[in-house]
Amino acid sequence: MDIILLQKKIKRAEFKRNARDFFKGLVIGIVVFWPLLKFYHLYGDTSWKEHIDQFRMLMFKIDLKLTGIFKI
């Protein structure tokens, strides 16, 4: 085989591998990080400390209902 042809094939294989890795990273970034950023944008200004007592009371009520159902 010709050395120049072999070098071109190697460079093309490296380019394909790098492109595949780049697009994998891009897809992971879109699938994982985009929803996280949107969630932070929508709920980032909400103070969770104000609502934690309501959440605890709701979980307590759910726990009471579930324990009552499973004791029957």
PDB file of N, CA and C in Angstrom:
ATOM      1  N   MET A   1       0.836  -1.197   0.000  1.00  0.00           N
ATOM      2  CA  MET A   1       0.000   0.000   0.000  1.00  0.00           C
ATOM      3  C   MET A   1       0.868   1.242   0.000  1.00  0.00           C
ATOM      4  N   ASP A   2       0.296   2.252  -0.523  1.00  0.00           N
ATOM      5  CA  ASP A   2       0.984   3.529  -0.569  1.00  0.00           C
ATOM      6  C   ASP A   2       0.943   4.183   0.813  1.00  0.00           C
ATOM      7  N   ILE A   3       2.042   4.771   1.223  1.00  0.00           N
ATOM      8  CA  ILE A   3       2.141   5.412   2.545  1.00  0.00           C
ATOM      9  C   ILE A   3       1.196   6.612   2.638  1.00  0.00           C
ATOM     10  N   ILE A   4       1.103   7.380   1.593  1.00  0.00           N
ATOM     11  CA  ILE A   4       0.240   8.569   1.608  1.00  0.00           C
ATOM     12  C   ILE A   4      -1.220   8.152   1.750  1.00  0.00           C
ATOM     13  N   LEU A   5      -1.632   7.123   1.039  1.00  0.00           N
ATOM     14  CA  LEU A   5      -3.006   6.622   1.142  1.00  0.00           C
ATOM     15  C   LEU A   5      -3.284   6.101   2.548  1.00  0.00           C
ATOM     16  N   LEU A   6      -2.326   5.416   3.139  1.00  0.00           N
ATOM     17  CA  LEU A   6      -2.469   4.907   4.494  1.00  0.00           C
ATOM     18  C   LEU A   6      -2.589   6.051   5.497  1.00  0.00           C
ATOM     19  N   GLN A   7      -1.815   7.110   5.322  1.00  0.00           N
ATOM     20  CA  GLN A   7      -1.897   8.278   6.216  1.00  0.00           C
ATOM     21  C   GLN A   7      -3.253   8.959   6.102  1.00  0.00           C
ATOM     22  N   LYS A   8      -3.783   9.052   4.875  1.00  0.00           N
ATOM     23  CA  LYS A   8      -5.104   9.651   4.688  1.00  0.00           C
ATOM     24  C   LYS A   8      -6.186   8.831   5.379  1.00  0.00           C
ATOM     25  N   LYS A   9      -6.078   7.505   5.279  1.00  0.00           N
ATOM     26  CA  LYS A   9      -7.070   6.646   5.946  1.00  0.00           C
ATOM     27  C   LYS A   9      -6.998   6.796   7.455  1.00  0.00           C
ATOM     28  N   ILE A  10      -5.803   6.893   7.990  1.00  0.00           N
ATOM     29  CA  ILE A  10      -5.634   7.070   9.440  1.00  0.00           C
ATOM     30  C   ILE A  10      -6.231   8.399   9.885  1.00  0.00           C
ATOM     31  N   LYS A  11      -5.961   9.466   9.120  1.00  0.00           N
ATOM     32  CA  LYS A  11      -6.503  10.789   9.480  1.00  0.00           C
ATOM     33  C   LYS A  11      -8.028  10.783   9.398  1.00  0.00           C
ATOM     34  N   ARG A  12      -8.582  10.103   8.393  1.00  0.00           N
ATOM     35  CA  ARG A  12     -10.033  10.041   8.261  1.00  0.00           C
ATOM     36  C   ARG A  12     -10.648   9.252   9.418  1.00  0.00           C
ATOM     37  N   ALA A  13     -10.015   8.167   9.829  1.00  0.00           N
ATOM     38  CA  ALA A  13     -10.512   7.382  10.961  1.00  0.00           C
ATOM     39  C   ALA A  13     -10.447   8.196  12.250  1.00  0.00           C
ATOM     40  N   GLU A  14      -9.384   8.960  12.443  1.00  0.00           N
ATOM     41  CA  GLU A  14      -9.271   9.817  13.635  1.00  0.00           C
ATOM     42  C   GLU A  14     -10.347  10.897  13.627  1.00  0.00           C
ATOM     43  N   PHE A  15     -10.600  11.466  12.451  1.00  0.00           N
ATOM     44  CA  PHE A  15     -11.625  12.497  12.342  1.00  0.00           C
ATOM     45  C   PHE A  15     -13.001  11.925  12.684  1.00  0.00           C
ATOM     46  N   LYS A  16     -13.315  10.731  12.168  1.00  0.00           N
ATOM     47  CA  LYS A  16     -14.602  10.110  12.464  1.00  0.00           C
ATOM     48  C   LYS A  16     -14.753   9.821  13.943  1.00  0.00           C
ATOM     49  N   ARG A  17     -13.680   9.333  14.572  1.00  0.00           N
ATOM     50  CA  ARG A  17     -13.743   9.029  15.999  1.00  0.00           C
ATOM     51  C   ARG A  17     -13.931  10.310  16.811  1.00  0.00           C
ATOM     52  N   ASN A  18     -13.205  11.366  16.457  1.00  0.00           N
ATOM     53  CA  ASN A  18     -13.342  12.628  17.178  1.00  0.00           C
ATOM     54  C   ASN A  18     -14.724  13.237  16.974  1.00  0.00           C
ATOM     55  N   ALA A  19     -15.246  13.132  15.762  1.00  0.00           N
ATOM     56  CA  ALA A  19     -16.583  13.666  15.491  1.00  0.00           C
ATOM     57  C   ALA A  19     -17.632  12.894  16.279  1.00  0.00           C
ATOM     58  N   ARG A  20     -17.508  11.575  16.330  1.00  0.00           N
ATOM     59  CA  ARG A  20     -18.463  10.759  17.083  1.00  0.00           C
ATOM     60  C   ARG A  20     -18.417  11.117  18.574  1.00  0.00           C
ATOM     61  N   ASP A  21     -17.222  11.273  19.129  1.00  0.00           N
ATOM     62  CA  ASP A  21     -17.105  11.640  20.543  1.00  0.00           C
ATOM     63  C   ASP A  21     -17.680  13.030  20.801  1.00  0.00           C
ATOM     64  N   PHE A  22     -17.459  13.952  19.865  1.00  0.00           N
ATOM     65  CA  PHE A  22     -17.994  15.307  20.017  1.00  0.00           C
ATOM     66  C   PHE A  22     -19.516  15.286  20.030  1.00  0.00           C
ATOM     67  N   PHE A  23     -20.119  14.548  19.095  1.00  0.00           N
ATOM     68  CA  PHE A  23     -21.578  14.510  19.033  1.00  0.00           C
ATOM     69  C   PHE A  23     -22.176  13.758  20.216  1.00  0.00           C
ATOM     70  N   LYS A  24     -21.457  12.767  20.732  1.00  0.00           N
ATOM     71  CA  LYS A  24     -21.920  12.095  21.961  1.00  0.00           C
ATOM     72  C   LYS A  24     -21.969  13.086  23.113  1.00  0.00           C
ATOM     73  N   GLY A  25     -20.921  13.864  23.255  1.00  0.00           N
ATOM     74  CA  GLY A  25     -20.892  14.879  24.307  1.00  0.00           C
ATOM     75  C   GLY A  25     -21.962  15.932  24.118  1.00  0.00           C
ATOM     76  N   LEU A  26     -22.198  16.307  22.875  1.00  0.00           N
ATOM     77  CA  LEU A  26     -23.227  17.298  22.581  1.00  0.00           C
ATOM     78  C   LEU A  26     -24.612  16.766  22.934  1.00  0.00           C
ATOM     79  N   VAL A  27     -24.889  15.524  22.601  1.00  0.00           N
ATOM     80  CA  VAL A  27     -26.197  14.921  22.911  1.00  0.00           C
ATOM     81  C   VAL A  27     -26.373  14.791  24.416  1.00  0.00           C
ATOM     82  N   ILE A  28     -25.338  14.356  25.115  1.00  0.00           N
ATOM     83  CA  ILE A  28     -25.426  14.249  26.575  1.00  0.00           C
ATOM     84  C   ILE A  28     -25.661  15.620  27.181  1.00  0.00           C
ATOM     85  N   GLY A  29     -24.976  16.616  26.660  1.00  0.00           N
ATOM     86  CA  GLY A  29     -25.176  17.976  27.152  1.00  0.00           C
ATOM     87  C   GLY A  29     -26.591  18.463  26.956  1.00  0.00           C
ATOM     88  N   ILE A  30     -27.158  18.169  25.805  1.00  0.00           N
ATOM     89  CA  ILE A  30     -28.524  18.617  25.530  1.00  0.00           C
ATOM     90  C   ILE A  30     -29.530  17.847  26.381  1.00  0.00           C
ATOM     91  N   VAL A  31     -29.343  16.538  26.481  1.00  0.00           N
ATOM     92  CA  VAL A  31     -30.315  15.697  27.192  1.00  0.00           C
ATOM     93  C   VAL A  31     -30.247  15.896  28.703  1.00  0.00           C
ATOM     94  N   VAL A  32     -29.057  16.054  29.248  1.00  0.00           N
ATOM     95  CA  VAL A  32     -28.899  16.116  30.697  1.00  0.00           C
ATOM     96  C   VAL A  32     -28.862  17.545  31.216  1.00  0.00           C
ATOM     97  N   PHE A  33     -28.007  18.351  30.662  1.00  0.00           N
ATOM     98  CA  PHE A  33     -27.774  19.665  31.248  1.00  0.00           C
ATOM     99  C   PHE A  33     -28.829  20.700  30.882  1.00  0.00           C
ATOM    100  N   TRP A  34     -29.422  20.604  29.720  1.00  0.00           N
ATOM    101  CA  TRP A  34     -30.442  21.576  29.321  1.00  0.00           C
ATOM    102  C   TRP A  34     -31.651  21.539  30.257  1.00  0.00           C
ATOM    103  N   PRO A  35     -32.234  20.359  30.583  1.00  0.00           N
ATOM    104  CA  PRO A  35     -33.351  20.369  31.544  1.00  0.00           C
ATOM    105  C   PRO A  35     -32.945  20.881  32.926  1.00  0.00           C
ATOM    106  N   LEU A  36     -31.723  20.577  33.343  1.00  0.00           N
ATOM    107  CA  LEU A  36     -31.277  21.086  34.639  1.00  0.00           C
ATOM    108  C   LEU A  36     -31.200  22.601  34.642  1.00  0.00           C
ATOM    109  N   LEU A  37     -30.696  23.167  33.560  1.00  0.00           N
ATOM    110  CA  LEU A  37     -30.617  24.623  33.469  1.00  0.00           C
ATOM    111  C   LEU A  37     -32.003  25.250  33.393  1.00  0.00           C
ATOM    112  N   LYS A  38     -32.915  24.606  32.664  1.00  0.00           N
ATOM    113  CA  LYS A  38     -34.276  25.136  32.588  1.00  0.00           C
ATOM    114  C   LYS A  38     -34.957  25.058  33.950  1.00  0.00           C
ATOM    115  N   PHE A  39     -34.761  23.951  34.677  1.00  0.00           N
ATOM    116  CA  PHE A  39     -35.338  23.813  36.015  1.00  0.00           C
ATOM    117  C   PHE A  39     -34.803  24.904  36.928  1.00  0.00           C
ATOM    118  N   TYR A  40     -33.497  25.153  36.878  1.00  0.00           N
ATOM    119  CA  TYR A  40     -32.916  26.187  37.728  1.00  0.00           C
ATOM    120  C   TYR A  40     -33.444  27.560  37.331  1.00  0.00           C
ATOM    121  N   HIS A  41     -33.614  27.778  36.041  1.00  0.00           N
ATOM    122  CA  HIS A  41     -34.120  29.071  35.585  1.00  0.00           C
ATOM    123  C   HIS A  41     -35.549  29.298  36.072  1.00  0.00           C
ATOM    124  N   LEU A  42     -36.372  28.253  36.016  1.00  0.00           N
ATOM    125  CA  LEU A  42     -37.768  28.406  36.415  1.00  0.00           C
ATOM    126  C   LEU A  42     -37.933  28.485  37.925  1.00  0.00           C
ATOM    127  N   TYR A  43     -37.175  27.672  38.665  1.00  0.00           N
ATOM    128  CA  TYR A  43     -37.379  27.567  40.109  1.00  0.00           C
ATOM    129  C   TYR A  43     -36.203  28.098  40.923  1.00  0.00           C
ATOM    130  N   GLY A  44     -35.248  28.722  40.276  1.00  0.00           N
ATOM    131  CA  GLY A  44     -34.062  29.199  40.983  1.00  0.00           C
ATOM    132  C   GLY A  44     -34.356  30.331  41.944  1.00  0.00           C
ATOM    133  N   ASP A  45     -35.357  31.139  41.638  1.00  0.00           N
ATOM    134  CA  ASP A  45     -35.653  32.267  42.509  1.00  0.00           C
ATOM    135  C   ASP A  45     -36.634  31.911  43.614  1.00  0.00           C
ATOM    136  N   THR A  46     -37.167  30.706  43.619  1.00  0.00           N
ATOM    137  CA  THR A  46     -38.107  30.276  44.649  1.00  0.00           C
ATOM    138  C   THR A  46     -37.339  29.920  45.917  1.00  0.00           C
ATOM    139  N   SER A  47     -37.784  30.434  46.998  1.00  0.00           N
ATOM    140  CA  SER A  47     -37.144  30.125  48.265  1.00  0.00           C
ATOM    141  C   SER A  47     -37.755  28.846  48.821  1.00  0.00           C
ATOM    142  N   TRP A  48     -36.995  27.778  48.815  1.00  0.00           N
ATOM    143  CA  TRP A  48     -37.503  26.486  49.277  1.00  0.00           C
ATOM    144  C   TRP A  48     -37.683  26.462  50.784  1.00  0.00           C
ATOM    145  N   LYS A  49     -36.954  27.321  51.493  1.00  0.00           N
ATOM    146  CA  LYS A  49     -37.062  27.329  52.955  1.00  0.00           C
ATOM    147  C   LYS A  49     -38.439  27.785  53.410  1.00  0.00           C
ATOM    148  N   GLU A  50     -39.086  28.617  52.611  1.00  0.00           N
ATOM    149  CA  GLU A  50     -40.428  29.085  52.975  1.00  0.00           C
ATOM    150  C   GLU A  50     -41.455  27.965  52.869  1.00  0.00           C
ATOM    151  N   HIS A  51     -41.238  27.031  51.980  1.00  0.00           N
ATOM    152  CA  HIS A  51     -42.235  26.004  51.701  1.00  0.00           C
ATOM    153  C   HIS A  51     -41.900  24.647  52.312  1.00  0.00           C
ATOM    154  N   ILE A  52     -40.805  24.538  53.034  1.00  0.00           N
ATOM    155  CA  ILE A  52     -40.398  23.238  53.563  1.00  0.00           C
ATOM    156  C   ILE A  52     -41.370  22.735  54.626  1.00  0.00           C
ATOM    157  N   ASP A  53     -41.953  23.624  55.420  1.00  0.00           N
ATOM    158  CA  ASP A  53     -42.924  23.189  56.435  1.00  0.00           C
ATOM    159  C   ASP A  53     -44.185  22.623  55.792  1.00  0.00           C
ATOM    160  N   GLN A  54     -44.640  23.249  54.714  1.00  0.00           N
ATOM    161  CA  GLN A  54     -45.807  22.736  54.002  1.00  0.00           C
ATOM    162  C   GLN A  54     -45.500  21.360  53.405  1.00  0.00           C
ATOM    163  N   PHE A  55     -44.305  21.200  52.881  1.00  0.00           N
ATOM    164  CA  PHE A  55     -43.909  19.924  52.307  1.00  0.00           C
ATOM    165  C   PHE A  55     -43.847  18.839  53.376  1.00  0.00           C
ATOM    166  N   ARG A  56     -43.291  19.167  54.533  1.00  0.00           N
ATOM    167  CA  ARG A  56     -43.228  18.190  55.634  1.00  0.00           C
ATOM    168  C   ARG A  56     -44.624  17.784  56.095  1.00  0.00           C
ATOM    169  N   MET A  57     -45.541  18.752  56.194  1.00  0.00           N
ATOM    170  CA  MET A  57     -46.902  18.448  56.609  1.00  0.00           C
ATOM    171  C   MET A  57     -47.595  17.564  55.570  1.00  0.00           C
ATOM    172  N   LEU A  58     -47.392  17.828  54.306  1.00  0.00           N
ATOM    173  CA  LEU A  58     -47.970  17.010  53.248  1.00  0.00           C
ATOM    174  C   LEU A  58     -47.432  15.586  53.310  1.00  0.00           C
ATOM    175  N   MET A  59     -46.126  15.428  53.506  1.00  0.00           N
ATOM    176  CA  MET A  59     -45.542  14.099  53.602  1.00  0.00           C
ATOM    177  C   MET A  59     -46.050  13.370  54.843  1.00  0.00           C
ATOM    178  N   PHE A  60     -46.267  14.081  55.941  1.00  0.00           N
ATOM    179  CA  PHE A  60     -46.815  13.480  57.157  1.00  0.00           C
ATOM    180  C   PHE A  60     -48.231  12.965  56.908  1.00  0.00           C
ATOM    181  N   LYS A  61     -49.046  13.753  56.200  1.00  0.00           N
ATOM    182  CA  LYS A  61     -50.412  13.322  55.889  1.00  0.00           C
ATOM    183  C   LYS A  61     -50.403  12.105  54.973  1.00  0.00           C
ATOM    184  N   ILE A  62     -49.529  12.094  53.992  1.00  0.00           N
ATOM    185  CA  ILE A  62     -49.431  10.944  53.094  1.00  0.00           C
ATOM    186  C   ILE A  62     -48.993   9.711  53.863  1.00  0.00           C
ATOM    187  N   ASP A  63     -48.051   9.878  54.771  1.00  0.00           N
ATOM    188  CA  ASP A  63     -47.587   8.751  55.582  1.00  0.00           C
ATOM    189  C   ASP A  63     -48.711   8.208  56.452  1.00  0.00           C
ATOM    190  N   LEU A  64     -49.508   9.082  57.035  1.00  0.00           N
ATOM    191  CA  LEU A  64     -50.649   8.644  57.846  1.00  0.00           C
ATOM    192  C   LEU A  64     -51.655   7.852  57.017  1.00  0.00           C
ATOM    193  N   LYS A  65     -51.948   8.346  55.830  1.00  0.00           N
ATOM    194  CA  LYS A  65     -52.905   7.650  54.969  1.00  0.00           C
ATOM    195  C   LYS A  65     -52.381   6.296  54.525  1.00  0.00           C
ATOM    196  N   LEU A  66     -51.102   6.216  54.186  1.00  0.00           N
ATOM    197  CA  LEU A  66     -50.538   4.942  53.750  1.00  0.00           C
ATOM    198  C   LEU A  66     -50.471   3.926  54.881  1.00  0.00           C
ATOM    199  N   THR A  67     -50.113   4.373  56.071  1.00  0.00           N
ATOM    200  CA  THR A  67     -50.081   3.436  57.193  1.00  0.00           C
ATOM    201  C   THR A  67     -51.469   2.963  57.542  1.00  0.00           C
ATOM    202  N   GLY A  68     -52.478   3.835  57.397  1.00  0.00           N
ATOM    203  CA  GLY A  68     -53.859   3.426  57.667  1.00  0.00           C
ATOM    204  C   GLY A  68     -54.357   2.418  56.633  1.00  0.00           C
ATOM    205  N   ILE A  69     -53.936   2.577  55.393  1.00  0.00           N
ATOM    206  CA  ILE A  69     -54.374   1.659  54.336  1.00  0.00           C
ATOM    207  C   ILE A  69     -53.755   0.280  54.530  1.00  0.00           C
ATOM    208  N   PHE A  70     -52.485   0.212  54.855  1.00  0.00           N
ATOM    209  CA  PHE A  70     -51.797  -1.069  54.936  1.00  0.00           C
ATOM    210  C   PHE A  70     -52.048  -1.797  56.235  1.00  0.00           C
ATOM    211  N   LYS A  71     -52.640  -1.164  57.262  1.00  0.00           N
ATOM    212  CA  LYS A  71     -52.957  -1.866  58.504  1.00  0.00           C
ATOM    213  C   LYS A  71     -54.290  -2.593  58.426  1.00  0.00           C
ATOM    214  N   ILE A  72     -55.048  -2.310  57.402  1.00  0.00           N
ATOM    215  CA  ILE A  72     -56.385  -2.939  57.280  1.00  0.00           C
ATOM    216  C   ILE A  72     -56.282  -4.395  56.968  1.00  0.00           C
TER     217      ILE A  72
END
